[in-house]
Amino acid sequence: MTKLELLYQKLLKKEVVKYKEIKDFASEIVENKPVSSQYLYNEYINKLRRADKLLHPQRGIYVVVPPTKINENSFQPDKYLIASKIQKPYYLGYHTALEMHGCAYSTYNEVYIVVPPHKKFRGFEFKNIRYKPIFNSHSQIGLKKINHKNQKIIISSPSRTFLDCIDRPEYSGGWEECLKSLESLAGVKTKELEQLLDKIGKDMLFRKTGLILDLLDENPYYLGILPNLKSYLNKKMGKSPMYLKEGSKSKLNKNWKLYVPIKFKDVLRGV
């Protein structure tokens, strides 16, 4: 087996790799000696790309094509592995987290990568999947590491996913998709919700949390959460009513001091 083929076999096990990973593998193959960038590109990366064994969706990221999928337009690489390689620190959140938790009501062709504001990157599209950054100042709390195809991926915990989705439902498919998905989200915990809400500190989020937990109160995944959290939420909420959606004909929910769109109830009946 040639050194090029040996490298290809090693990379196949990872499916998606960063440039540094290729360089580390190549260094091992060349008698544990460091290889120059020029040598790496000329002798390995470029040859694998010309053979269609390596795809290049984004700078510094490479997708390894299995032998049976070479030159097949239908080949679809793992979008979660690609997303996990784009930027650090990060987590996969919103609708993507719902998918990873196994409760998303629909499958999406967008992947949401949440990063701190100072870690901005441009979104891109590859093989009909859009990779979209979401900038969040609280991007390092409420996270969970999971194993996905023998690699570690960071996603939002169920409690953080719940808060993210109701905070910005536009990244969860809109309210209907959001609520239908949250209905099947297991693992939301009272104490973690309280800790996360304390750190995020958004008045509207306190109210939204109460409103949505009220709606899901009889759901087995959410039993007991609202009664244990209600006093805390009431203390944290401001006194003046707020609008869930500006410009919509709304009715005041006195419990959570939220003007809720009248049509919102119609959406919930479908859950």
C-alpha atoms as a PDB file:
ATOM      1  CA  MET A   1       0.000   0.000   0.000  1.00  0.00           C
ATOM      2  CA  THR A   2       1.377   3.406  -0.970  1.00  0.00           C
ATOM      3  CA  LYS A   3       1.757   6.218   1.542  1.00  0.00           C
ATOM      4  CA  LEU A   4      -1.020   8.095  -0.241  1.00  0.00           C
ATOM      5  CA  GLU A   5      -3.380   5.123   0.055  1.00  0.00           C
ATOM      6  CA  LEU A   6      -2.398   4.610   3.690  1.00  0.00           C
ATOM      7  CA  LEU A   7      -3.262   8.227   4.465  1.00  0.00           C
ATOM      8  CA  TYR A   8      -6.581   7.877   2.663  1.00  0.00           C
ATOM      9  CA  GLN A   9      -7.450   4.807   4.755  1.00  0.00           C
ATOM     10  CA  LYS A  10      -6.666   6.683   7.978  1.00  0.00           C
ATOM     11  CA  LEU A  11      -8.729   9.688   6.946  1.00  0.00           C
ATOM     12  CA  LEU A  12     -11.688   7.499   5.986  1.00  0.00           C
ATOM     13  CA  LYS A  13     -12.174   6.587   9.634  1.00  0.00           C
ATOM     14  CA  LYS A  14     -12.695  10.279  10.516  1.00  0.00           C
ATOM     15  CA  GLU A  15     -15.019  11.130   7.579  1.00  0.00           C
ATOM     16  CA  VAL A  16     -14.472  14.871   8.071  1.00  0.00           C
ATOM     17  CA  VAL A  17     -11.048  16.284   8.958  1.00  0.00           C
ATOM     18  CA  LYS A  18      -9.303  19.582   9.444  1.00  0.00           C
ATOM     19  CA  TYR A  19      -6.061  20.454   7.713  1.00  0.00           C
ATOM     20  CA  LYS A  20      -4.064  19.898  10.913  1.00  0.00           C
ATOM     21  CA  GLU A  21      -5.432  16.383  11.258  1.00  0.00           C
ATOM     22  CA  ILE A  22      -4.293  15.544   7.737  1.00  0.00           C
ATOM     23  CA  LYS A  23      -0.876  16.987   8.523  1.00  0.00           C
ATOM     24  CA  ASP A  24      -0.605  14.938  11.734  1.00  0.00           C
ATOM     25  CA  PHE A  25      -1.549  11.710   9.953  1.00  0.00           C
ATOM     26  CA  ALA A  26       0.884  12.462   7.117  1.00  0.00           C
ATOM     27  CA  SER A  27       3.691  13.109   9.617  1.00  0.00           C
ATOM     28  CA  GLU A  28       3.090   9.683  11.168  1.00  0.00           C
ATOM     29  CA  ILE A  29       3.235   8.000   7.775  1.00  0.00           C
ATOM     30  CA  VAL A  30       6.478   9.742   6.786  1.00  0.00           C
ATOM     31  CA  GLU A  31       8.407   8.088   9.611  1.00  0.00           C
ATOM     32  CA  ASN A  32       7.066  10.433  12.274  1.00  0.00           C
ATOM     33  CA  LYS A  33       8.671  13.472  10.668  1.00  0.00           C
ATOM     34  CA  PRO A  34       6.883  16.819  10.310  1.00  0.00           C
ATOM     35  CA  VAL A  35       5.887  17.584   6.736  1.00  0.00           C
ATOM     36  CA  SER A  36       5.894  21.001   5.092  1.00  0.00           C
ATOM     37  CA  SER A  37       2.679  22.558   3.823  1.00  0.00           C
ATOM     38  CA  GLN A  38       3.923  22.459   0.249  1.00  0.00           C
ATOM     39  CA  TYR A  39       4.820  18.763   0.496  1.00  0.00           C
ATOM     40  CA  LEU A  40       1.478  17.973   2.148  1.00  0.00           C
ATOM     41  CA  TYR A  41      -0.495  19.698  -0.592  1.00  0.00           C
ATOM     42  CA  ASN A  42       1.550  18.392  -3.526  1.00  0.00           C
ATOM     43  CA  GLU A  43       1.973  14.789  -2.404  1.00  0.00           C
ATOM     44  CA  TYR A  44      -1.243  14.147  -0.522  1.00  0.00           C
ATOM     45  CA  ILE A  45      -4.077  16.673  -0.479  1.00  0.00           C
ATOM     46  CA  ASN A  46      -4.004  17.669  -4.162  1.00  0.00           C
ATOM     47  CA  LYS A  47      -3.637  14.067  -5.335  1.00  0.00           C
ATOM     48  CA  LEU A  48      -6.562  12.928  -3.186  1.00  0.00           C
ATOM     49  CA  ARG A  49      -8.669  15.818  -4.440  1.00  0.00           C
ATOM     50  CA  ARG A  50      -7.863  15.081  -8.082  1.00  0.00           C
ATOM     51  CA  ALA A  51      -8.934  11.478  -7.443  1.00  0.00           C
ATOM     52  CA  ASP A  52     -12.207  12.808  -5.976  1.00  0.00           C
ATOM     53  CA  LYS A  53     -11.408  11.105  -2.679  1.00  0.00           C
ATOM     54  CA  LEU A  54     -11.278  14.410  -0.829  1.00  0.00           C
ATOM     55  CA  LEU A  55     -13.788  17.273  -1.019  1.00  0.00           C
ATOM     56  CA  HIS A  56     -13.161  20.795   0.253  1.00  0.00           C
ATOM     57  CA  PRO A  57     -16.366  22.422   1.572  1.00  0.00           C
ATOM     58  CA  GLN A  58     -14.648  25.255   3.444  1.00  0.00           C
ATOM     59  CA  ARG A  59     -11.187  26.580   4.165  1.00  0.00           C
ATOM     60  CA  GLY A  60      -9.269  24.130   6.345  1.00  0.00           C
ATOM     61  CA  ILE A  61     -11.999  21.467   6.252  1.00  0.00           C
ATOM     62  CA  TYR A  62     -12.016  18.325   4.130  1.00  0.00           C
ATOM     63  CA  VAL A  63     -14.589  15.588   3.557  1.00  0.00           C
ATOM     64  CA  VAL A  64     -13.280  12.098   2.884  1.00  0.00           C
ATOM     65  CA  VAL A  65     -15.295  10.279   0.214  1.00  0.00           C
ATOM     66  CA  PRO A  66     -15.783   6.519   0.714  1.00  0.00           C
ATOM     67  CA  PRO A  67     -14.552   4.332  -2.186  1.00  0.00           C
ATOM     68  CA  THR A  68     -18.122   3.331  -3.108  1.00  0.00           C
ATOM     69  CA  LYS A  69     -19.245   6.979  -3.289  1.00  0.00           C
ATOM     70  CA  ILE A  70     -16.492   8.487  -5.446  1.00  0.00           C
ATOM     71  CA  ASN A  71     -17.976  10.548  -8.307  1.00  0.00           C
ATOM     72  CA  GLU A  72     -21.508   9.951  -7.021  1.00  0.00           C
ATOM     73  CA  ASN A  73     -23.517  13.163  -6.980  1.00  0.00           C
ATOM     74  CA  SER A  74     -25.860  11.636  -4.394  1.00  0.00           C
ATOM     75  CA  PHE A  75     -23.071  11.362  -1.798  1.00  0.00           C
ATOM     76  CA  GLN A  76     -24.098  13.396   1.256  1.00  0.00           C
ATOM     77  CA  PRO A  77     -21.430  13.909   3.933  1.00  0.00           C
ATOM     78  CA  ASP A  78     -22.342  14.113   7.588  1.00  0.00           C
ATOM     79  CA  LYS A  79     -23.501  17.692   8.166  1.00  0.00           C
ATOM     80  CA  TYR A  80     -22.963  17.524  11.928  1.00  0.00           C
ATOM     81  CA  LEU A  81     -19.318  16.487  11.580  1.00  0.00           C
ATOM     82  CA  ILE A  82     -18.698  19.308   9.105  1.00  0.00           C
ATOM     83  CA  ALA A  83     -20.395  21.823  11.394  1.00  0.00           C
ATOM     84  CA  SER A  84     -18.313  20.694  14.376  1.00  0.00           C
ATOM     85  CA  LYS A  85     -15.071  21.495  12.517  1.00  0.00           C
ATOM     86  CA  ILE A  86     -15.841  25.060  11.433  1.00  0.00           C
ATOM     87  CA  GLN A  87     -15.050  27.192  14.480  1.00  0.00           C
ATOM     88  CA  LYS A  88     -14.080  26.974  18.146  1.00  0.00           C
ATOM     89  CA  PRO A  89     -15.533  27.470  20.674  1.00  0.00           C
ATOM     90  CA  TYR A  90     -18.903  26.460  19.318  1.00  0.00           C
ATOM     91  CA  TYR A  91     -21.995  24.398  19.900  1.00  0.00           C
ATOM     92  CA  LEU A  92     -24.671  23.065  17.581  1.00  0.00           C
ATOM     93  CA  GLY A  93     -27.922  24.668  18.648  1.00  0.00           C
ATOM     94  CA  TYR A  94     -31.522  25.584  17.923  1.00  0.00           C
ATOM     95  CA  HIS A  95     -33.135  23.319  15.302  1.00  0.00           C
ATOM     96  CA  THR A  96     -29.854  21.453  14.839  1.00  0.00           C
ATOM     97  CA  ALA A  97     -29.819  20.607  18.552  1.00  0.00           C
ATOM     98  CA  LEU A  98     -33.441  19.457  18.317  1.00  0.00           C
ATOM     99  CA  GLU A  99     -32.331  17.082  15.563  1.00  0.00           C
ATOM    100  CA  MET A 100     -29.415  15.799  17.621  1.00  0.00           C
ATOM    101  CA  HIS A 101     -31.704  15.244  20.614  1.00  0.00           C
ATOM    102  CA  GLY A 102     -33.992  13.221  18.359  1.00  0.00           C
ATOM    103  CA  CYS A 103     -37.086  15.387  18.745  1.00  0.00           C
ATOM    104  CA  ALA A 104     -37.117  17.655  15.680  1.00  0.00           C
ATOM    105  CA  TYR A 105     -40.522  17.588  14.042  1.00  0.00           C
ATOM    106  CA  SER A 106     -38.994  18.110  10.583  1.00  0.00           C
ATOM    107  CA  THR A 107     -35.613  17.643   8.924  1.00  0.00           C
ATOM    108  CA  TYR A 108     -33.851  20.833   7.846  1.00  0.00           C
ATOM    109  CA  ASN A 109     -31.185  21.599   5.269  1.00  0.00           C
ATOM    110  CA  GLU A 110     -29.622  24.213   7.563  1.00  0.00           C
ATOM    111  CA  VAL A 111     -27.152  23.639  10.367  1.00  0.00           C
ATOM    112  CA  TYR A 112     -26.807  26.233  13.128  1.00  0.00           C
ATOM    113  CA  ILE A 113     -23.369  26.725  14.673  1.00  0.00           C
ATOM    114  CA  VAL A 114     -23.453  28.974  17.745  1.00  0.00           C
ATOM    115  CA  VAL A 115     -20.276  30.955  18.475  1.00  0.00           C
ATOM    116  CA  PRO A 116     -19.261  33.997  20.545  1.00  0.00           C
ATOM    117  CA  PRO A 117     -19.579  37.334  18.688  1.00  0.00           C
ATOM    118  CA  HIS A 118     -15.782  37.658  18.377  1.00  0.00           C
ATOM    119  CA  LYS A 119     -15.580  34.297  16.569  1.00  0.00           C
ATOM    120  CA  LYS A 120     -17.582  35.324  13.531  1.00  0.00           C
ATOM    121  CA  PHE A 121     -17.384  33.356  10.323  1.00  0.00           C
ATOM    122  CA  ARG A 122     -19.229  33.492   7.037  1.00  0.00           C
ATOM    123  CA  GLY A 123     -21.988  31.007   6.441  1.00  0.00           C
ATOM    124  CA  PHE A 124     -21.678  28.805   3.370  1.00  0.00           C
ATOM    125  CA  GLU A 125     -23.503  26.113   1.414  1.00  0.00           C
ATOM    126  CA  PHE A 126     -22.148  22.697   0.547  1.00  0.00           C
ATOM    127  CA  LYS A 127     -24.007  19.794  -1.078  1.00  0.00           C
ATOM    128  CA  ASN A 128     -27.359  21.580  -0.597  1.00  0.00           C
ATOM    129  CA  ILE A 129     -26.817  22.094   3.131  1.00  0.00           C
ATOM    130  CA  ARG A 130     -26.438  25.628   4.526  1.00  0.00           C
ATOM    131  CA  TYR A 131     -24.044  26.128   7.434  1.00  0.00           C
ATOM    132  CA  LYS A 132     -25.151  29.195   9.332  1.00  0.00           C
ATOM    133  CA  PRO A 133     -23.449  30.964  12.258  1.00  0.00           C
ATOM    134  CA  ILE A 134     -25.457  32.325  15.178  1.00  0.00           C
ATOM    135  CA  PHE A 135     -23.662  34.750  17.447  1.00  0.00           C
ATOM    136  CA  ASN A 136     -24.430  34.480  21.144  1.00  0.00           C
ATOM    137  CA  SER A 137     -22.711  36.130  24.106  1.00  0.00           C
ATOM    138  CA  HIS A 138     -23.687  33.188  26.336  1.00  0.00           C
ATOM    139  CA  SER A 139     -22.283  30.512  24.061  1.00  0.00           C
ATOM    140  CA  GLN A 140     -20.370  28.567  26.704  1.00  0.00           C
ATOM    141  CA  ILE A 141     -23.098  27.603  29.183  1.00  0.00           C
ATOM    142  CA  GLY A 142     -25.554  24.727  29.178  1.00  0.00           C
ATOM    143  CA  LEU A 143     -23.556  22.554  26.790  1.00  0.00           C
ATOM    144  CA  LYS A 144     -23.201  18.818  26.365  1.00  0.00           C
ATOM    145  CA  LYS A 145     -20.600  16.635  24.634  1.00  0.00           C
ATOM    146  CA  ILE A 146     -21.938  13.679  22.702  1.00  0.00           C
ATOM    147  CA  ASN A 147     -20.386  10.895  20.663  1.00  0.00           C
ATOM    148  CA  HIS A 148     -21.311  11.035  17.006  1.00  0.00           C
ATOM    149  CA  LYS A 149     -19.647   8.519  14.695  1.00  0.00           C
ATOM    150  CA  ASN A 150     -16.799   8.085  17.180  1.00  0.00           C
ATOM    151  CA  GLN A 151     -16.147  11.816  17.368  1.00  0.00           C
ATOM    152  CA  LYS A 152     -17.008  14.334  20.066  1.00  0.00           C
ATOM    153  CA  ILE A 153     -19.566  16.972  19.126  1.00  0.00           C
ATOM    154  CA  ILE A 154     -20.747  19.813  21.348  1.00  0.00           C
ATOM    155  CA  ILE A 155     -24.469  20.553  21.415  1.00  0.00           C
ATOM    156  CA  SER A 156     -26.765  22.480  23.727  1.00  0.00           C
ATOM    157  CA  SER A 157     -28.192  20.495  26.631  1.00  0.00           C
ATOM    158  CA  PRO A 158     -31.954  19.856  26.587  1.00  0.00           C
ATOM    159  CA  SER A 159     -32.530  22.756  28.998  1.00  0.00           C
ATOM    160  CA  ARG A 160     -30.397  25.146  26.965  1.00  0.00           C
ATOM    161  CA  THR A 161     -32.036  23.931  23.749  1.00  0.00           C
ATOM    162  CA  PHE A 162     -35.465  24.681  25.232  1.00  0.00           C
ATOM    163  CA  LEU A 163     -34.441  28.239  26.146  1.00  0.00           C
ATOM    164  CA  ASP A 164     -32.653  28.894  22.847  1.00  0.00           C
ATOM    165  CA  CYS A 165     -35.629  27.756  20.809  1.00  0.00           C
ATOM    166  CA  ILE A 166     -38.229  29.850  22.620  1.00  0.00           C
ATOM    167  CA  ASP A 167     -35.854  32.815  22.733  1.00  0.00           C
ATOM    168  CA  ARG A 168     -35.311  32.812  18.947  1.00  0.00           C
ATOM    169  CA  PRO A 169     -37.961  30.566  17.407  1.00  0.00           C
ATOM    170  CA  GLU A 170     -36.996  31.733  13.913  1.00  0.00           C
ATOM    171  CA  TYR A 171     -33.987  29.383  14.216  1.00  0.00           C
ATOM    172  CA  SER A 172     -36.255  26.544  15.285  1.00  0.00           C
ATOM    173  CA  GLY A 173     -38.543  26.684  12.272  1.00  0.00           C
ATOM    174  CA  GLY A 174     -41.004  29.207  13.697  1.00  0.00           C
ATOM    175  CA  TRP A 175     -43.345  28.740  16.637  1.00  0.00           C
ATOM    176  CA  GLU A 176     -45.307  25.787  15.233  1.00  0.00           C
ATOM    177  CA  GLU A 177     -42.233  23.706  14.379  1.00  0.00           C
ATOM    178  CA  CYS A 178     -40.581  24.825  17.617  1.00  0.00           C
ATOM    179  CA  LEU A 179     -43.446  23.709  19.864  1.00  0.00           C
ATOM    180  CA  LYS A 180     -44.067  20.445  18.033  1.00  0.00           C
ATOM    181  CA  SER A 181     -40.394  19.626  18.524  1.00  0.00           C
ATOM    182  CA  LEU A 182     -40.178  20.752  22.158  1.00  0.00           C
ATOM    183  CA  GLU A 183     -43.134  18.540  22.984  1.00  0.00           C
ATOM    184  CA  SER A 184     -40.819  15.530  22.500  1.00  0.00           C
ATOM    185  CA  LEU A 185     -37.684  17.007  24.082  1.00  0.00           C
ATOM    186  CA  ALA A 186     -36.596  14.883  27.035  1.00  0.00           C
ATOM    187  CA  GLY A 187     -34.208  15.996  29.778  1.00  0.00           C
ATOM    188  CA  VAL A 188     -35.262  19.579  30.535  1.00  0.00           C
ATOM    189  CA  LYS A 189     -34.459  20.203  34.213  1.00  0.00           C
ATOM    190  CA  THR A 190     -35.830  22.808  36.621  1.00  0.00           C
ATOM    191  CA  LYS A 191     -32.543  23.624  38.338  1.00  0.00           C
ATOM    192  CA  GLU A 192     -30.614  23.960  35.092  1.00  0.00           C
ATOM    193  CA  LEU A 193     -33.300  26.213  33.614  1.00  0.00           C
ATOM    194  CA  GLU A 194     -33.026  28.477  36.652  1.00  0.00           C
ATOM    195  CA  GLN A 195     -29.225  28.609  36.481  1.00  0.00           C
ATOM    196  CA  LEU A 196     -29.253  29.374  32.753  1.00  0.00           C
ATOM    197  CA  LEU A 197     -31.986  32.004  33.053  1.00  0.00           C
ATOM    198  CA  ASP A 198     -30.001  33.695  35.829  1.00  0.00           C
ATOM    199  CA  LYS A 199     -26.935  33.960  33.600  1.00  0.00           C
ATOM    200  CA  ILE A 200     -28.794  35.036  30.463  1.00  0.00           C
ATOM    201  CA  GLY A 201     -30.923  37.512  32.412  1.00  0.00           C
ATOM    202  CA  LYS A 202     -33.473  38.447  29.712  1.00  0.00           C
ATOM    203  CA  ASP A 203     -36.830  39.681  30.959  1.00  0.00           C
ATOM    204  CA  MET A 204     -38.656  38.432  27.874  1.00  0.00           C
ATOM    205  CA  LEU A 205     -37.123  34.983  28.284  1.00  0.00           C
ATOM    206  CA  PHE A 206     -38.441  34.700  31.861  1.00  0.00           C
ATOM    207  CA  ARG A 207     -41.932  35.378  30.522  1.00  0.00           C
ATOM    208  CA  LYS A 208     -41.619  33.106  27.513  1.00  0.00           C
ATOM    209  CA  THR A 209     -40.377  30.290  29.753  1.00  0.00           C
ATOM    210  CA  GLY A 210     -43.459  30.601  31.935  1.00  0.00           C
ATOM    211  CA  LEU A 211     -45.801  30.814  28.945  1.00  0.00           C
ATOM    212  CA  ILE A 212     -44.412  27.766  27.136  1.00  0.00           C
ATOM    213  CA  LEU A 213     -44.063  25.651  30.283  1.00  0.00           C
ATOM    214  CA  ASP A 214     -47.703  26.513  31.020  1.00  0.00           C
ATOM    215  CA  LEU A 215     -48.669  25.130  27.625  1.00  0.00           C
ATOM    216  CA  LEU A 216     -46.600  21.985  28.098  1.00  0.00           C
ATOM    217  CA  ASP A 217     -47.506  21.506  31.762  1.00  0.00           C
ATOM    218  CA  GLU A 218     -49.360  18.214  31.223  1.00  0.00           C
ATOM    219  CA  ASN A 219     -46.666  16.815  28.952  1.00  0.00           C
ATOM    220  CA  PRO A 220     -44.839  13.930  30.729  1.00  0.00           C
ATOM    221  CA  TYR A 221     -41.452  15.426  29.801  1.00  0.00           C
ATOM    222  CA  TYR A 222     -42.293  18.646  31.665  1.00  0.00           C
ATOM    223  CA  LEU A 223     -44.269  17.433  34.672  1.00  0.00           C
ATOM    224  CA  GLY A 224     -43.456  19.398  37.821  1.00  0.00           C
ATOM    225  CA  ILE A 225     -41.138  21.895  36.157  1.00  0.00           C
ATOM    226  CA  LEU A 226     -43.445  24.901  36.138  1.00  0.00           C
ATOM    227  CA  PRO A 227     -44.711  24.525  39.735  1.00  0.00           C
ATOM    228  CA  ASN A 228     -41.102  24.469  40.949  1.00  0.00           C
ATOM    229  CA  LEU A 229     -40.080  27.396  38.755  1.00  0.00           C
ATOM    230  CA  LYS A 230     -43.148  29.637  38.909  1.00  0.00           C
ATOM    231  CA  SER A 231     -42.190  31.627  42.020  1.00  0.00           C
ATOM    232  CA  TYR A 232     -38.695  32.253  40.618  1.00  0.00           C
ATOM    233  CA  LEU A 233     -40.068  33.430  37.260  1.00  0.00           C
ATOM    234  CA  ASN A 234     -42.593  35.753  38.881  1.00  0.00           C
ATOM    235  CA  LYS A 235     -39.839  37.419  40.904  1.00  0.00           C
ATOM    236  CA  LYS A 236     -37.646  37.891  37.846  1.00  0.00           C
ATOM    237  CA  MET A 237     -40.266  39.300  35.487  1.00  0.00           C
ATOM    238  CA  GLY A 238     -40.666  43.042  35.015  1.00  0.00           C
ATOM    239  CA  LYS A 239     -43.919  44.772  35.941  1.00  0.00           C
ATOM    240  CA  SER A 240     -44.916  46.209  32.556  1.00  0.00           C
ATOM    241  CA  PRO A 241     -46.527  43.921  29.953  1.00  0.00           C
ATOM    242  CA  MET A 242     -44.526  43.000  26.859  1.00  0.00           C
ATOM    243  CA  TYR A 243     -45.494  41.779  23.376  1.00  0.00           C
ATOM    244  CA  LEU A 244     -44.611  38.280  22.262  1.00  0.00           C
ATOM    245  CA  LYS A 245     -44.839  39.511  18.670  1.00  0.00           C
ATOM    246  CA  GLU A 246     -44.994  43.190  17.826  1.00  0.00           C
ATOM    247  CA  GLY A 247     -47.702  44.257  15.398  1.00  0.00           C
ATOM    248  CA  SER A 248     -49.908  41.201  15.908  1.00  0.00           C
ATOM    249  CA  LYS A 249     -53.435  41.336  17.283  1.00  0.00           C
ATOM    250  CA  SER A 250     -52.874  40.061  20.787  1.00  0.00           C
ATOM    251  CA  LYS A 251     -54.503  39.287  24.096  1.00  0.00           C
ATOM    252  CA  LEU A 252     -52.854  39.827  27.496  1.00  0.00           C
ATOM    253  CA  ASN A 253     -51.806  36.729  29.393  1.00  0.00           C
ATOM    254  CA  LYS A 254     -51.942  38.091  32.953  1.00  0.00           C
ATOM    255  CA  ASN A 255     -49.891  35.257  34.462  1.00  0.00           C
ATOM    256  CA  TRP A 256     -46.838  36.103  32.374  1.00  0.00           C
ATOM    257  CA  LYS A 257     -47.596  39.735  31.520  1.00  0.00           C
ATOM    258  CA  LEU A 258     -47.336  38.937  27.840  1.00  0.00           C
ATOM    259  CA  TYR A 259     -49.514  40.103  24.975  1.00  0.00           C
ATOM    260  CA  VAL A 260     -49.837  36.849  23.042  1.00  0.00           C
ATOM    261  CA  PRO A 261     -51.048  36.811  19.413  1.00  0.00           C
ATOM    262  CA  ILE A 262     -54.603  35.484  19.191  1.00  0.00           C
ATOM    263  CA  LYS A 263     -53.584  33.121  16.394  1.00  0.00           C
ATOM    264  CA  PHE A 264     -50.920  31.673  18.687  1.00  0.00           C
ATOM    265  CA  LYS A 265     -53.593  29.496  20.315  1.00  0.00           C
ATOM    266  CA  ASP A 266     -54.523  28.025  16.959  1.00  0.00           C
ATOM    267  CA  VAL A 267     -50.921  26.952  16.443  1.00  0.00           C
ATOM    268  CA  LEU A 268     -50.848  25.276  19.825  1.00  0.00           C
ATOM    269  CA  ARG A 269     -53.977  23.246  19.188  1.00  0.00           C
ATOM    270  CA  GLY A 270     -52.047  21.364  16.544  1.00  0.00           C
ATOM    271  CA  VAL A 271     -49.372  20.274  19.030  1.00  0.00           C
END
